[in-house]
Amino acid sequence: MSVSASSPSRTLKIGIVGFGRFAQFLAQTMAKQGHSLTATSRTDYSDLCACLGIPFFRDMEKFLQAENDVILLCTSILSLSEVLNSMPFHYLKRPTLFVDVLSVKEYPRETLLQVLPEGSDILCTHPMFGPESGRDGWKGLTLVYERVRVRDEAMCSSFLQIFEREGCRMLNMSCKEHDKQAARSQFITHVIGRVLAEMAIEPTSLDTRGFQTLVQLKESTTKDSFDLFSGLFIHNKFAKQELKSLELALEKVKQRLLEKMNEEPGPSASK
């Protein structure tokens, strides 16, 4: 059964906090589906929003007074707490669904529960794709989500339908389980990509397909900011162990190579 089988689709008023590259990517599809968007950001995106037909608010008070159904948090991981604690929630005119799209999940879950007004609903999500992987459509790409505190099921379902309508694979998963799995998959992928960037690997004239894959990995991971990468480490408690495991595994491989080298007989003495 679909995540929203019991609720008809509806047009939403969605306010976006943080209008960087990922938020712009999401906004294109949301606008295409007919949802009404507003935006606010510490960076002035008023010219871009004017071109997109999206009202842009420099004043957070006026943004919160815009009576959005949903407030979509697209801040960086590192700035989430600061942004939330600076928001004057008393300007909200009605109960609102807050949704985050951060790449870690336990941290925003706990922060939102601590900071948001009791009357606000909370949906934690992680679209497991971005402007590069989702540029040709979202069909088959995964959205992980947890209904953390949801009383207005119709509103929550209508928001999830944005992704369902695009053909996303909808994965209902606890924030803790998400972070545990993402530390092994997403974080380690970024670590390897960053290590390859430090090695400054570049295509050669005799690349194997395996090496081409490594070059692509380096290029794709370094397109994301170092703030995102460090946020994956700082705010996912499982990432520290994965990094330690990677270090230990590299040392084991190194030792096996050295042992093998020492087993090899030296060159025969000349007669």
Protein backbone atom coordinates (compact mmCIF):
# COMPACT_ATOMS: atom_id res chain seq x y z
CA MET A 1 0.00 0.00 0.00
CA SER A 2 1.27 3.50 -0.77
CA VAL A 3 2.19 5.87 2.03
CA SER A 4 -0.77 8.10 1.16
CA ALA A 5 -3.37 5.65 -0.11
CA SER A 6 -5.98 6.87 2.37
CA SER A 7 -5.57 10.59 1.60
CA PRO A 8 -6.28 12.46 -1.63
CA SER A 9 -3.59 14.73 -3.03
CA ARG A 10 -3.84 18.42 -2.24
CA THR A 11 -1.98 21.57 -3.16
CA LEU A 12 0.29 22.73 -0.35
CA LYS A 13 1.74 26.06 0.70
CA ILE A 14 5.40 25.21 1.35
CA GLY A 15 7.86 27.62 2.93
CA ILE A 16 11.50 26.74 2.36
CA VAL A 17 14.18 27.71 4.89
CA GLY A 18 17.60 27.74 3.24
CA PHE A 19 17.42 28.15 -0.53
CA GLY A 20 20.73 26.69 -1.63
CA ARG A 21 21.39 24.24 -4.46
CA PHE A 22 19.46 21.32 -2.97
CA ALA A 23 16.45 23.43 -2.02
CA GLN A 24 16.35 24.88 -5.54
CA PHE A 25 16.43 21.34 -6.92
CA LEU A 26 13.46 20.27 -4.76
CA ALA A 27 11.57 23.50 -5.46
CA GLN A 28 11.54 22.85 -9.22
CA THR A 29 9.56 19.63 -8.82
CA MET A 30 7.29 21.03 -6.12
CA ALA A 31 6.41 24.02 -8.31
CA LYS A 32 5.88 21.72 -11.31
CA GLN A 33 3.31 19.79 -9.27
CA GLY A 34 1.44 23.01 -8.54
CA HIS A 35 2.42 23.66 -4.94
CA SER A 36 2.72 27.27 -3.76
CA LEU A 37 6.23 28.12 -2.57
CA THR A 38 7.89 30.83 -0.49
CA ALA A 39 11.52 30.97 0.62
CA THR A 40 13.87 32.54 3.11
CA SER A 41 17.62 32.20 3.47
CA ARG A 42 20.60 33.88 5.09
CA THR A 43 21.94 34.43 1.56
CA ASP A 44 19.92 36.85 -0.57
CA TYR A 45 18.24 34.78 -3.29
CA SER A 46 15.63 37.43 -4.09
CA ASP A 47 16.70 37.80 -7.73
CA LEU A 48 16.70 34.04 -8.35
CA CYS A 49 13.35 33.63 -6.61
CA ALA A 50 11.89 36.47 -8.67
CA CYS A 51 12.90 34.58 -11.84
CA LEU A 52 11.29 31.42 -10.45
CA GLY A 53 8.13 33.19 -9.35
CA ILE A 54 8.74 32.37 -5.68
CA PRO A 55 8.23 35.09 -3.04
CA PHE A 56 11.48 35.57 -1.08
CA PHE A 57 11.48 36.88 2.49
CA ARG A 58 14.54 38.45 4.10
CA ASP A 59 12.46 38.96 7.25
CA MET A 60 11.88 35.70 9.16
CA GLU A 61 8.88 37.16 10.98
CA LYS A 62 7.04 37.85 7.73
CA PHE A 63 8.04 34.42 6.41
CA LEU A 64 6.47 32.72 9.44
CA GLN A 65 3.34 34.85 9.08
CA ALA A 66 2.80 33.62 5.50
CA GLU A 67 0.53 30.79 6.72
CA ASN A 68 2.42 27.93 5.12
CA ASP A 69 1.09 24.41 5.51
CA VAL A 70 4.63 23.05 5.54
CA ILE A 71 7.98 24.57 6.49
CA LEU A 72 10.75 22.68 4.72
CA LEU A 73 14.13 22.93 6.45
CA CYS A 74 16.92 22.85 3.85
CA THR A 75 19.67 24.34 5.99
CA SER A 76 23.10 22.77 6.30
CA ILE A 77 23.53 20.17 9.03
CA LEU A 78 25.93 22.46 10.91
CA SER A 79 23.61 25.48 10.90
CA LEU A 80 20.32 23.74 11.77
CA SER A 81 20.37 24.44 15.52
CA GLU A 82 21.36 28.09 15.06
CA VAL A 83 18.65 28.67 12.44
CA LEU A 84 15.91 26.99 14.47
CA ASN A 85 16.81 28.81 17.67
CA SER A 86 16.66 32.15 15.84
CA MET A 87 13.13 31.58 14.50
CA PRO A 88 10.34 33.51 16.31
CA PHE A 89 7.79 30.69 16.28
CA HIS A 90 5.14 32.81 18.02
CA TYR A 91 4.51 34.45 14.63
CA LEU A 92 3.12 31.17 13.28
CA LYS A 93 -0.60 31.67 12.73
CA ARG A 94 -1.59 28.00 12.74
CA PRO A 95 -0.26 24.48 13.39
CA THR A 96 2.44 23.73 10.84
CA LEU A 97 4.20 20.60 9.58
CA PHE A 98 7.98 20.98 9.83
CA VAL A 99 9.98 18.74 7.50
CA ASP A 100 13.76 18.41 7.37
CA VAL A 101 15.77 16.93 4.49
CA LEU A 102 19.14 16.63 6.23
CA SER A 103 21.53 13.78 5.46
CA VAL A 104 21.60 12.74 9.11
CA LYS A 105 18.41 12.01 10.99
CA GLU A 106 18.71 11.48 14.77
CA TYR A 107 20.24 14.94 15.25
CA PRO A 108 17.45 16.92 13.52
CA ARG A 109 14.81 14.68 15.12
CA GLU A 110 16.00 15.51 18.64
CA THR A 111 16.62 19.18 17.82
CA LEU A 112 13.16 19.65 16.33
CA LEU A 113 11.49 17.95 19.29
CA GLN A 114 13.36 20.25 21.67
CA VAL A 115 12.91 23.55 19.82
CA LEU A 116 9.59 23.50 17.97
CA PRO A 117 6.29 24.49 19.55
CA GLU A 118 4.30 21.53 20.86
CA GLY A 119 1.56 22.20 18.31
CA SER A 120 3.90 21.70 15.34
CA ASP A 121 4.05 18.36 13.55
CA ILE A 122 7.43 16.86 12.62
CA LEU A 123 8.38 14.72 9.63
CA CYS A 124 12.04 13.75 9.22
CA THR A 125 13.05 12.83 5.67
CA HIS A 126 16.16 12.17 3.64
CA PRO A 127 15.92 12.15 -0.15
CA MET A 128 18.74 9.75 -1.05
CA PHE A 129 19.50 11.71 -4.21
CA GLY A 130 20.34 15.22 -5.32
CA PRO A 131 20.74 17.55 -8.30
CA GLU A 132 23.13 15.18 -10.07
CA SER A 133 21.51 11.78 -9.48
CA GLY A 134 17.99 13.20 -9.77
CA ARG A 135 18.45 15.47 -12.75
CA ASP A 136 16.64 13.07 -15.11
CA GLY A 137 13.78 12.40 -12.70
CA TRP A 138 13.22 10.80 -9.31
CA LYS A 139 11.72 7.50 -10.42
CA GLY A 140 13.17 4.60 -8.45
CA LEU A 141 15.18 6.89 -6.16
CA THR A 142 14.72 6.48 -2.42
CA LEU A 143 13.07 8.79 0.10
CA VAL A 144 13.64 7.73 3.71
CA TYR A 145 11.17 9.17 6.22
CA GLU A 146 9.92 8.89 9.79
CA ARG A 147 6.69 10.43 11.09
CA VAL A 148 8.15 11.78 14.34
CA ARG A 149 5.13 13.72 15.62
CA VAL A 150 2.19 13.79 13.24
CA ARG A 151 -1.38 14.61 14.17
CA ASP A 152 -2.53 15.94 10.80
CA GLU A 153 -2.10 12.74 8.79
CA ALA A 154 -3.69 14.26 5.69
CA MET A 155 -1.13 17.06 5.59
CA CYS A 156 1.78 14.67 6.13
CA SER A 157 0.51 12.29 3.45
CA SER A 158 0.04 15.15 0.99
CA PHE A 159 3.67 16.15 1.46
CA LEU A 160 4.92 12.58 1.02
CA GLN A 161 2.86 12.32 -2.15
CA ILE A 162 5.20 14.87 -3.75
CA PHE A 163 7.85 12.15 -3.84
CA GLU A 164 5.46 9.29 -4.41
CA ARG A 165 4.03 10.96 -7.51
CA GLU A 166 7.54 11.22 -8.97
CA GLY A 167 8.01 7.46 -8.58
CA CYS A 168 10.29 7.50 -5.55
CA ARG A 169 10.88 4.37 -3.50
CA MET A 170 9.25 5.29 -0.18
CA LEU A 171 11.15 3.83 2.78
CA ASN A 172 9.65 4.26 6.25
CA MET A 173 12.60 3.90 8.64
CA SER A 174 13.49 5.13 12.12
CA CYS A 175 16.00 7.96 12.31
CA LYS A 176 18.35 5.77 14.34
CA GLU A 177 18.32 2.96 11.78
CA HIS A 178 18.83 5.47 8.98
CA ASP A 179 21.95 6.86 10.64
CA LYS A 180 23.32 3.39 11.33
CA GLN A 181 22.99 2.35 7.70
CA ALA A 182 24.01 5.72 6.25
CA ALA A 183 27.23 5.72 8.25
CA ARG A 184 28.25 2.54 6.43
CA SER A 185 27.05 3.64 2.98
CA GLN A 186 26.86 7.40 2.52
CA PHE A 187 29.55 8.52 4.97
CA ILE A 188 32.14 5.94 3.91
CA THR A 189 31.46 6.81 0.27
CA HIS A 190 32.22 10.46 1.03
CA VAL A 191 35.34 9.53 3.00
CA ILE A 192 36.77 7.52 0.09
CA GLY A 193 35.91 10.32 -2.33
CA ARG A 194 37.64 12.92 -0.16
CA VAL A 195 40.73 10.70 0.27
CA LEU A 196 40.96 10.31 -3.51
CA ALA A 197 40.68 14.09 -3.86
CA GLU A 198 43.56 14.53 -1.39
CA MET A 199 45.56 12.14 -3.59
CA ALA A 200 44.64 14.36 -6.56
CA ILE A 201 43.79 11.39 -8.78
CA GLU A 202 43.01 12.29 -12.38
CA PRO A 203 42.17 10.27 -15.53
CA THR A 204 45.13 8.65 -17.27
CA SER A 205 45.68 7.30 -20.77
CA LEU A 206 45.26 3.69 -19.61
CA ASP A 207 42.33 3.85 -17.19
CA THR A 208 40.47 0.69 -16.31
CA ARG A 209 36.73 0.95 -15.72
CA GLY A 210 37.39 0.48 -12.02
CA PHE A 211 39.69 3.50 -11.96
CA GLN A 212 37.18 5.55 -13.97
CA THR A 213 34.63 4.73 -11.27
CA LEU A 214 37.03 6.04 -8.62
CA VAL A 215 37.54 9.28 -10.54
CA GLN A 216 33.77 9.69 -10.84
CA LEU A 217 33.42 9.05 -7.11
CA LYS A 218 35.97 11.74 -6.32
CA GLU A 219 34.25 14.23 -8.59
CA SER A 220 30.73 13.54 -7.33
CA THR A 221 31.56 13.66 -3.61
CA THR A 222 33.64 16.84 -3.84
CA LYS A 223 30.74 18.67 -5.50
CA ASP A 224 29.14 18.64 -2.04
CA SER A 225 30.43 21.16 0.48
CA PHE A 226 32.92 20.20 3.16
CA ASP A 227 30.31 21.42 5.66
CA LEU A 228 28.01 18.65 4.47
CA PHE A 229 30.81 16.08 4.74
CA SER A 230 31.83 17.20 8.22
CA GLY A 231 28.17 17.26 9.28
CA LEU A 232 27.86 13.59 8.28
CA PHE A 233 30.69 12.89 10.73
CA ILE A 234 29.91 15.25 13.59
CA HIS A 235 26.17 14.56 13.84
CA ASN A 236 26.00 10.83 13.14
CA LYS A 237 27.14 8.90 16.19
CA PHE A 238 27.76 5.80 14.06
CA ALA A 239 30.19 7.58 11.72
CA LYS A 240 33.06 7.64 14.21
CA GLN A 241 33.13 3.83 14.44
CA GLU A 242 32.94 3.48 10.66
CA LEU A 243 35.92 5.80 10.23
CA LYS A 244 37.85 3.79 12.82
CA SER A 245 36.92 0.55 11.05
CA LEU A 246 38.15 1.98 7.75
CA GLU A 247 41.47 2.96 9.32
CA LEU A 248 41.89 -0.51 10.84
CA ALA A 249 40.98 -2.20 7.56
CA LEU A 250 43.55 -0.12 5.65
CA GLU A 251 46.22 -1.01 8.21
CA LYS A 252 45.36 -4.72 7.91
CA VAL A 253 45.64 -4.60 4.12
CA LYS A 254 48.97 -2.78 4.43
CA GLN A 255 50.31 -5.38 6.88
CA ARG A 256 49.25 -8.26 4.64
CA LEU A 257 51.09 -6.67 1.73
CA LEU A 258 54.22 -6.17 3.81
CA GLU A 259 54.07 -9.76 5.07
CA LYS A 260 53.73 -11.02 1.52
CA MET A 261 56.67 -8.91 0.41
CA ASN A 262 58.81 -10.33 3.21
CA GLU A 263 57.88 -13.90 2.20
CA GLU A 264 59.29 -13.40 -1.28
CA PRO A 265 62.82 -14.80 -1.68
CA GLY A 266 65.50 -12.33 -2.59
CA PRO A 267 67.37 -12.48 -5.89
CA SER A 268 69.74 -15.44 -6.20
CA ALA A 269 73.35 -14.63 -5.56
CA SER A 270 75.35 -14.53 -8.79
CA LYS A 271 77.80 -17.36 -9.24
